[in-house]
């Protein structure tokens, strides 16, 4: 076999291969999910696993957005409902409701937290040039949770900052 002919068959960066699956990309990959009617995304490298909804064990005096904890192979993982945390629509748990377990590793520590979302959508490939800054005029989600916005078709996906999501806010027992 001619080596030059074989080299022509190797896909180059950005080309589609394997029946349309884009397996070579320069951009970042994000797991997209739905809250109410809006689409959001988190860095896919932080996704530990996606679990079907199961009622977690309650924690006494926890904030309302903290649903409780689950046991994930011996690791106790707090579960936070993003709809409640961000005040988005009515909370309802159904067959598409899932818990996205995210692990964020910083220099000093690693933190794993589960986030309840309405449904998982897709994997989004986004080049840095496609990510736009979030407008400063505010919105439902506090600005420090948003890394940027990406146009996808006719819609917009909000990229969330996993490090900011992992921060535990002080809670006053009332």
Protein backbone atom coordinates (compact mmCIF):
# COMPACT_ATOMS: atom_id res chain seq x y z
CA UNK A 1 0.00 0.00 0.00
CA UNK A 2 1.22 3.50 -0.86
CA UNK A 3 2.01 5.56 2.27
CA UNK A 4 1.00 8.80 0.54
CA UNK A 5 -2.45 7.43 -0.28
CA UNK A 6 -2.86 6.24 3.30
CA UNK A 7 -1.87 9.68 4.64
CA UNK A 8 -4.61 11.29 2.52
CA UNK A 9 -7.22 9.22 4.39
CA UNK A 10 -6.24 10.51 7.84
CA UNK A 11 -8.72 13.18 8.94
CA UNK A 12 -7.28 16.60 9.62
CA UNK A 13 -8.17 18.75 12.61
CA UNK A 14 -11.79 19.87 12.50
CA UNK A 15 -12.83 17.29 9.88
CA UNK A 16 -15.72 14.98 10.46
CA UNK A 17 -15.08 11.29 10.46
CA UNK A 18 -16.66 8.13 11.82
CA UNK A 19 -20.05 8.78 10.26
CA UNK A 20 -20.32 12.43 11.22
CA UNK A 21 -18.87 12.33 14.73
CA UNK A 22 -16.54 15.25 15.31
CA UNK A 23 -13.80 13.62 17.35
CA UNK A 24 -11.04 16.16 16.75
CA UNK A 25 -11.64 19.67 17.99
CA UNK A 26 -9.66 22.69 19.08
CA UNK A 27 -12.54 24.04 21.16
CA UNK A 28 -13.73 23.27 24.61
CA UNK A 29 -16.48 20.75 25.19
CA UNK A 30 -19.47 21.46 27.41
CA UNK A 31 -22.29 19.31 28.69
CA UNK A 32 -25.54 21.16 28.01
CA UNK A 33 -28.65 20.81 30.14
CA UNK A 34 -32.08 22.37 30.54
CA UNK A 35 -33.56 24.40 33.39
CA UNK A 36 -37.17 25.34 32.61
CA UNK A 37 -36.92 26.46 28.94
CA UNK A 38 -33.32 27.71 29.00
CA UNK A 39 -30.12 25.88 28.05
CA UNK A 40 -27.00 25.95 30.19
CA UNK A 41 -23.65 24.20 30.00
CA UNK A 42 -20.69 23.19 32.17
CA UNK A 43 -17.17 22.14 31.25
CA UNK A 44 -17.43 18.46 30.36
CA UNK A 45 -14.05 17.72 31.96
CA UNK A 46 -15.62 18.47 35.37
CA UNK A 47 -18.48 15.99 34.89
CA UNK A 48 -17.94 12.99 37.14
CA UNK A 49 -21.20 11.26 36.22
CA UNK A 50 -24.86 11.79 35.39
CA UNK A 51 -27.31 10.05 37.72
CA UNK A 52 -31.04 9.55 37.45
CA UNK A 53 -33.05 11.46 40.03
CA UNK A 54 -33.26 9.79 43.41
CA UNK A 55 -34.42 11.56 46.54
CA UNK A 56 -31.30 12.38 48.59
CA UNK A 57 -30.98 12.08 52.36
CA UNK A 58 -32.05 15.40 53.91
CA UNK A 59 -29.64 17.56 55.89
CA UNK A 60 -31.24 19.33 58.89
CA UNK A 61 -31.34 23.16 58.67
CA UNK A 62 -29.92 23.19 55.12
CA UNK A 63 -30.90 25.96 52.69
CA UNK A 64 -33.92 25.08 50.52
CA UNK A 65 -31.76 24.66 47.39
CA UNK A 66 -29.68 21.95 49.14
CA UNK A 67 -31.79 18.84 48.61
CA UNK A 68 -29.55 16.63 50.77
CA UNK A 69 -26.72 14.18 50.18
CA UNK A 70 -26.23 10.98 48.21
CA UNK A 71 -23.72 8.17 48.64
CA UNK A 72 -21.68 7.81 45.44
CA UNK A 73 -19.49 4.74 45.86
CA UNK A 74 -18.58 5.67 49.42
CA UNK A 75 -18.28 9.42 48.80
CA UNK A 76 -20.92 11.65 50.40
CA UNK A 77 -22.03 14.14 47.73
CA UNK A 78 -24.20 17.19 48.50
CA UNK A 79 -27.05 17.71 46.01
CA UNK A 80 -28.13 21.23 45.01
CA UNK A 81 -31.21 22.00 42.91
CA UNK A 82 -30.15 24.66 40.40
CA UNK A 83 -33.76 25.71 39.70
CA UNK A 84 -34.23 26.62 43.36
CA UNK A 85 -30.76 28.16 43.70
CA UNK A 86 -31.34 30.45 40.70
CA UNK A 87 -35.11 30.93 41.19
CA UNK A 88 -36.01 29.53 37.75
CA UNK A 89 -39.63 28.42 37.27
CA UNK A 90 -41.53 25.80 39.24
CA UNK A 91 -39.62 22.81 40.58
CA UNK A 92 -40.89 19.45 39.38
CA UNK A 93 -39.07 16.12 39.39
CA UNK A 94 -39.90 13.78 36.52
CA UNK A 95 -38.34 10.98 34.48
CA UNK A 96 -35.93 13.36 32.68
CA UNK A 97 -34.69 14.97 35.93
CA UNK A 98 -31.06 14.07 36.57
CA UNK A 99 -28.23 14.90 38.92
CA UNK A 100 -25.03 16.03 37.21
CA UNK A 101 -22.14 15.26 39.55
CA UNK A 102 -19.31 17.76 39.06
CA UNK A 103 -15.81 17.62 40.51
CA UNK A 104 -13.75 20.77 40.54
CA UNK A 105 -10.08 20.54 41.42
CA UNK A 106 -8.18 23.61 42.50
CA UNK A 107 -4.62 23.84 43.78
CA UNK A 108 -5.62 23.22 47.38
CA UNK A 109 -8.60 20.87 47.16
CA UNK A 110 -11.07 18.83 45.18
CA UNK A 111 -14.82 19.28 45.67
CA UNK A 112 -17.62 17.07 44.33
CA UNK A 113 -21.22 18.32 44.28
CA UNK A 114 -24.33 17.08 42.47
CA UNK A 115 -26.64 19.52 40.68
CA UNK A 116 -30.29 18.71 39.91
CA UNK A 117 -31.33 19.77 36.39
CA UNK A 118 -34.47 19.16 34.31
CA UNK A 119 -32.72 17.20 31.57
CA UNK A 120 -29.35 16.70 29.91
CA UNK A 121 -29.27 17.92 26.31
CA UNK A 122 -26.09 17.43 24.35
CA UNK A 123 -22.35 17.95 24.16
CA UNK A 124 -21.43 21.35 22.78
CA UNK A 125 -18.11 22.08 21.07
CA UNK A 126 -17.30 25.78 21.39
CA UNK A 127 -14.26 27.59 20.10
CA UNK A 128 -12.98 30.43 22.29
CA UNK A 129 -13.92 32.90 19.56
CA UNK A 130 -17.57 31.74 19.75
CA UNK A 131 -17.90 32.50 23.47
CA UNK A 132 -19.31 35.96 24.12
CA UNK A 133 -19.16 37.84 27.41
CA UNK A 134 -22.38 37.88 29.41
CA UNK A 135 -24.13 41.25 29.39
CA UNK A 136 -23.56 43.29 32.52
CA UNK A 137 -27.20 44.33 32.89
CA UNK A 138 -28.02 41.28 34.98
CA UNK A 139 -30.44 38.43 34.63
CA UNK A 140 -31.85 35.55 36.59
CA UNK A 141 -28.46 34.01 37.29
CA UNK A 142 -25.96 36.13 39.23
CA UNK A 143 -23.16 37.36 36.98
CA UNK A 144 -20.35 35.57 38.86
CA UNK A 145 -21.81 32.16 37.90
CA UNK A 146 -21.66 32.91 34.16
CA UNK A 147 -18.52 32.32 32.05
CA UNK A 148 -20.10 33.42 28.79
CA UNK A 149 -22.76 32.84 26.16
CA UNK A 150 -22.67 30.79 22.97
CA UNK A 151 -25.09 31.07 20.05
CA UNK A 152 -26.40 27.66 19.04
CA UNK A 153 -28.79 27.75 16.12
CA UNK A 154 -31.61 30.13 17.04
CA UNK A 155 -30.90 29.87 20.77
CA UNK A 156 -28.26 30.84 23.31
CA UNK A 157 -26.49 28.55 25.77
CA UNK A 158 -25.24 30.06 29.04
CA UNK A 159 -21.85 28.66 30.08
CA UNK A 160 -21.69 28.30 33.86
CA UNK A 161 -18.53 28.63 35.95
CA UNK A 162 -18.02 25.29 37.73
CA UNK A 163 -15.67 26.82 40.31
CA UNK A 164 -18.30 29.43 41.28
CA UNK A 165 -21.01 26.74 41.44
CA UNK A 166 -18.85 24.74 43.86
CA UNK A 167 -18.60 27.59 46.39
CA UNK A 168 -20.75 27.04 49.46
CA UNK A 169 -22.49 30.21 50.59
CA UNK A 170 -22.87 30.87 54.32
CA UNK A 171 -26.34 29.97 55.58
CA UNK A 172 -28.17 31.51 58.48
CA UNK A 173 -30.45 29.13 60.37
CA UNK A 174 -33.79 30.84 60.81
